[in-house]
């Protein structure tokens, strides 16, 4: 597509990646789940995201190397994160993520999250080992409608299959209220395989939706 180029993310994209993670987490609402779950401000969360991303641990969503970026006129305008779960005997992404959070987040924030763990307990989803995990797709508003997310997803597919030809599936998790994202994934070939619902009366005080869909795309 004219004017658009695609590449792996680098340290110079850090600010854009933070913007993307936060806006994708909002899922069309004004809630950032990590801010509500850990009782921190959006500004503080962005600071912590920068620290975790700069560590660049492979095998989880908090790695600059897991992102592909679409660029227009020299500026990043769309991105998608993806990694191979537990590749080469790596720890589970949940373990890597938990270690980063426990290291960087304030102790009082971690305690706050633990005290409310029952609220989101029913929507914790295990990731399938040796699968391509898609974390998020984000496109700035002024560049939507050009299928940039779809192109970036296919780019992730192509790169993953070349490096890991034994891959069987890709997985992603999406909030049930994010209808545009769900339709995008369905057009590409993802199918909903399970819906996780939390019926706790306070769930919408913490998350954009009480439902998370687990969607899968089969390579073979």
Protein backbone atom coordinates (compact mmCIF):
# COMPACT_ATOMS: atom_id res chain seq x y z
CA UNK A 1 0.00 0.00 0.00
CA UNK A 2 1.43 3.35 -1.05
CA UNK A 3 3.24 5.27 1.68
CA UNK A 4 3.25 2.45 4.22
CA UNK A 5 6.22 0.30 5.21
CA UNK A 6 6.51 -2.55 7.71
CA UNK A 7 9.36 -3.46 10.03
CA UNK A 8 10.31 -4.79 13.44
CA UNK A 9 10.01 -2.31 16.30
CA UNK A 10 13.08 -0.73 17.85
CA UNK A 11 13.91 1.32 20.92
CA UNK A 12 13.00 4.49 19.02
CA UNK A 13 9.39 3.27 18.91
CA UNK A 14 9.09 3.02 22.69
CA UNK A 15 6.69 5.94 23.11
CA UNK A 16 4.42 4.69 20.34
CA UNK A 17 4.38 1.14 21.73
CA UNK A 18 3.35 2.45 25.15
CA UNK A 19 0.56 4.47 23.54
CA UNK A 20 -0.57 1.37 21.65
CA UNK A 21 -0.63 -0.90 24.71
CA UNK A 22 -2.59 1.59 26.79
CA UNK A 23 -5.13 2.44 24.08
CA UNK A 24 -5.65 -1.22 23.13
CA UNK A 25 -6.21 -2.07 26.80
CA UNK A 26 -8.97 0.53 27.01
CA UNK A 27 -10.92 -1.41 24.37
CA UNK A 28 -13.07 1.58 23.48
CA UNK A 29 -13.67 2.61 27.10
CA UNK A 30 -11.87 4.96 29.48
CA UNK A 31 -10.58 2.09 31.65
CA UNK A 32 -7.00 0.84 31.61
CA UNK A 33 -7.18 -2.53 33.35
CA UNK A 34 -3.69 -2.36 34.81
CA UNK A 35 -4.44 1.04 36.33
CA UNK A 36 -7.62 -0.15 38.01
CA UNK A 37 -6.28 -3.56 39.03
CA UNK A 38 -3.07 -2.15 40.51
CA UNK A 39 -4.49 1.19 41.70
CA UNK A 40 -2.01 3.33 39.75
CA UNK A 41 -2.41 6.34 37.48
CA UNK A 42 -2.15 6.08 33.72
CA UNK A 43 0.99 8.21 33.81
CA UNK A 44 2.62 5.86 36.34
CA UNK A 45 1.60 2.82 34.30
CA UNK A 46 3.30 4.31 31.23
CA UNK A 47 6.49 4.81 33.24
CA UNK A 48 6.41 1.18 34.34
CA UNK A 49 5.67 -0.01 30.81
CA UNK A 50 8.78 1.81 29.57
CA UNK A 51 10.94 0.05 32.16
CA UNK A 52 9.54 -3.38 31.36
CA UNK A 53 9.74 -2.93 27.59
CA UNK A 54 13.34 -1.77 27.81
CA UNK A 55 14.23 -5.10 29.44
CA UNK A 56 13.14 -6.70 26.14
CA UNK A 57 12.61 -10.19 27.55
CA UNK A 58 11.62 -12.52 24.72
CA UNK A 59 8.55 -14.69 25.08
CA UNK A 60 6.00 -12.21 26.42
CA UNK A 61 4.12 -9.06 25.48
CA UNK A 62 6.51 -6.72 27.30
CA UNK A 63 9.30 -7.01 24.75
CA UNK A 64 10.08 -4.43 22.09
CA UNK A 65 11.24 -7.29 19.90
CA UNK A 66 7.75 -8.83 19.91
CA UNK A 67 6.27 -5.88 17.99
CA UNK A 68 5.98 -5.22 14.28
CA UNK A 69 5.33 -1.64 13.24
CA UNK A 70 3.70 -0.02 10.24
CA UNK A 71 5.27 3.31 9.36
CA UNK A 72 3.91 6.21 7.30
CA UNK A 73 6.05 9.21 6.31
CA UNK A 74 8.68 8.06 8.79
CA UNK A 75 6.29 7.81 11.75
CA UNK A 76 4.82 4.66 13.36
CA UNK A 77 1.05 4.49 12.87
CA UNK A 78 0.11 0.85 13.59
CA UNK A 79 1.57 -2.05 15.52
CA UNK A 80 0.97 -5.61 16.62
CA UNK A 81 2.71 -7.74 19.21
CA UNK A 82 3.32 -11.46 18.85
CA UNK A 83 5.63 -14.12 20.27
CA UNK A 84 6.04 -17.89 20.33
CA UNK A 85 4.82 -19.20 23.67
CA UNK A 86 7.42 -21.22 25.62
CA UNK A 87 9.74 -21.58 22.62
CA UNK A 88 13.12 -23.29 23.12
CA UNK A 89 12.11 -24.25 26.69
CA UNK A 90 11.47 -20.63 27.65
CA UNK A 91 9.28 -20.01 30.72
CA UNK A 92 5.59 -19.34 30.18
CA UNK A 93 4.81 -15.74 29.26
CA UNK A 94 2.72 -15.45 32.40
CA UNK A 95 5.81 -16.26 34.49
CA UNK A 96 7.95 -13.69 32.65
CA UNK A 97 5.23 -11.05 32.95
CA UNK A 98 4.70 -11.76 36.66
CA UNK A 99 8.43 -11.47 37.33
CA UNK A 100 8.59 -8.11 35.58
CA UNK A 101 5.54 -6.80 37.44
CA UNK A 102 6.84 -8.00 40.80
CA UNK A 103 10.18 -6.31 40.15
CA UNK A 104 8.95 -2.94 38.85
CA UNK A 105 5.51 -2.33 40.32
CA UNK A 106 5.24 -0.72 43.79
CA UNK A 107 4.64 -3.26 46.56
CA UNK A 108 1.43 -1.55 47.62
CA UNK A 109 0.09 -1.87 44.04
CA UNK A 110 0.87 -5.58 43.97
CA UNK A 111 -0.85 -6.07 47.31
CA UNK A 112 -3.87 -4.14 46.05
CA UNK A 113 -4.11 -6.42 43.00
CA UNK A 114 -3.78 -9.55 45.15
CA UNK A 115 -6.55 -8.37 47.45
CA UNK A 116 -8.88 -8.17 44.46
CA UNK A 117 -7.72 -11.31 42.64
CA UNK A 118 -11.12 -12.96 43.13
CA UNK A 119 -12.70 -10.36 40.87
CA UNK A 120 -10.88 -11.54 37.74
CA UNK A 121 -10.19 -15.12 38.77
CA UNK A 122 -12.59 -16.67 36.24
CA UNK A 123 -11.04 -14.98 33.21
CA UNK A 124 -7.41 -16.03 33.56
CA UNK A 125 -6.54 -17.86 30.35
CA UNK A 126 -3.65 -20.27 29.89
CA UNK A 127 -1.65 -19.83 26.68
CA UNK A 128 -0.95 -22.87 24.48
CA UNK A 129 2.78 -23.81 24.35
CA UNK A 130 4.57 -23.44 21.00
CA UNK A 131 1.80 -21.29 19.53
CA UNK A 132 2.03 -17.80 18.08
CA UNK A 133 0.51 -15.49 20.66
CA UNK A 134 -0.98 -12.23 19.40
CA UNK A 135 -1.17 -9.66 22.18
CA UNK A 136 -2.78 -6.61 20.58
CA UNK A 137 -3.44 -4.76 17.34
CA UNK A 138 -3.45 -0.97 17.32
CA UNK A 139 -3.82 1.60 14.55
CA UNK A 140 -3.98 5.33 15.06
CA UNK A 141 -7.42 6.72 14.20
CA UNK A 142 -6.31 8.73 11.18
CA UNK A 143 -4.92 5.60 9.52
CA UNK A 144 -7.77 3.19 10.18
CA UNK A 145 -9.64 1.70 7.24
CA UNK A 146 -6.48 0.73 5.34
CA UNK A 147 -6.30 -2.86 6.64
CA UNK A 148 -2.99 -2.17 8.38
CA UNK A 149 -3.84 -4.52 11.26
CA UNK A 150 -4.65 -7.30 8.82
CA UNK A 151 -1.37 -6.77 6.95
CA UNK A 152 0.64 -6.74 10.19
CA UNK A 153 -1.06 -9.95 11.36
CA UNK A 154 -0.18 -11.69 8.11
CA UNK A 155 3.40 -10.43 8.45
CA UNK A 156 3.58 -11.98 11.92
CA UNK A 157 2.19 -15.24 10.53
CA UNK A 158 4.73 -15.35 7.72
CA UNK A 159 7.71 -14.62 9.99
CA UNK A 160 6.61 -17.12 12.63
CA UNK A 161 6.08 -19.96 10.15
CA UNK A 162 9.48 -19.38 8.55
CA UNK A 163 11.24 -19.51 11.92
CA UNK A 164 9.02 -22.22 13.47
CA UNK A 165 7.55 -24.37 10.66
CA UNK A 166 6.14 -26.78 13.28
CA UNK A 167 3.66 -24.18 14.55
CA UNK A 168 0.08 -25.43 14.57
CA UNK A 169 -1.90 -22.39 15.70
CA UNK A 170 -2.04 -18.73 16.63
CA UNK A 171 -4.02 -17.54 19.62
CA UNK A 172 -5.27 -14.22 20.88
CA UNK A 173 -7.47 -12.88 23.64
CA UNK A 174 -9.90 -10.02 23.11
CA UNK A 175 -12.47 -8.29 25.29
CA UNK A 176 -16.02 -9.24 24.38
CA UNK A 177 -17.03 -5.60 23.90
CA UNK A 178 -14.36 -4.98 21.24
CA UNK A 179 -16.56 -5.80 18.27
CA UNK A 180 -14.38 -4.11 15.58
CA UNK A 181 -11.34 -6.15 16.67
CA UNK A 182 -13.35 -9.38 16.81
CA UNK A 183 -14.65 -8.78 13.27
CA UNK A 184 -11.11 -8.11 12.05
CA UNK A 185 -9.84 -11.36 13.52
CA UNK A 186 -12.78 -13.30 12.08
CA UNK A 187 -12.11 -11.91 8.59
CA UNK A 188 -8.55 -13.18 8.83
CA UNK A 189 -9.71 -16.65 9.87
CA UNK A 190 -9.64 -16.63 13.68
CA UNK A 191 -12.46 -18.50 15.38
CA UNK A 192 -13.73 -18.15 18.94
CA UNK A 193 -12.99 -21.39 20.78
CA UNK A 194 -13.97 -20.33 24.30
CA UNK A 195 -15.59 -17.42 26.11
CA UNK A 196 -14.48 -16.65 29.66
CA UNK A 197 -16.98 -14.71 31.73
CA UNK A 198 -16.63 -13.20 35.17
CA UNK A 199 -19.91 -12.57 36.94
CA UNK A 200 -18.51 -10.68 39.93
CA UNK A 201 -20.70 -7.62 40.45
CA UNK A 202 -17.69 -5.26 40.52
CA UNK A 203 -15.90 -6.56 37.41
CA UNK A 204 -16.78 -3.57 35.22
CA UNK A 205 -15.14 -1.27 37.76
CA UNK A 206 -11.83 -2.92 36.82
CA UNK A 207 -12.08 -4.18 33.23
CA UNK A 208 -13.68 -2.85 30.01
CA UNK A 209 -15.78 -6.03 29.73
CA UNK A 210 -16.76 -9.02 31.83
CA UNK A 211 -16.01 -11.34 28.89
CA UNK A 212 -12.75 -12.34 27.22
CA UNK A 213 -12.81 -14.38 24.02
CA UNK A 214 -10.07 -16.90 23.26
CA UNK A 215 -9.69 -17.02 19.49
CA UNK A 216 -7.52 -19.36 17.41
CA UNK A 217 -6.17 -19.53 13.89
CA UNK A 218 -4.98 -22.91 12.59
CA UNK A 219 -1.91 -22.99 10.35
CA UNK A 220 -2.37 -26.66 9.41
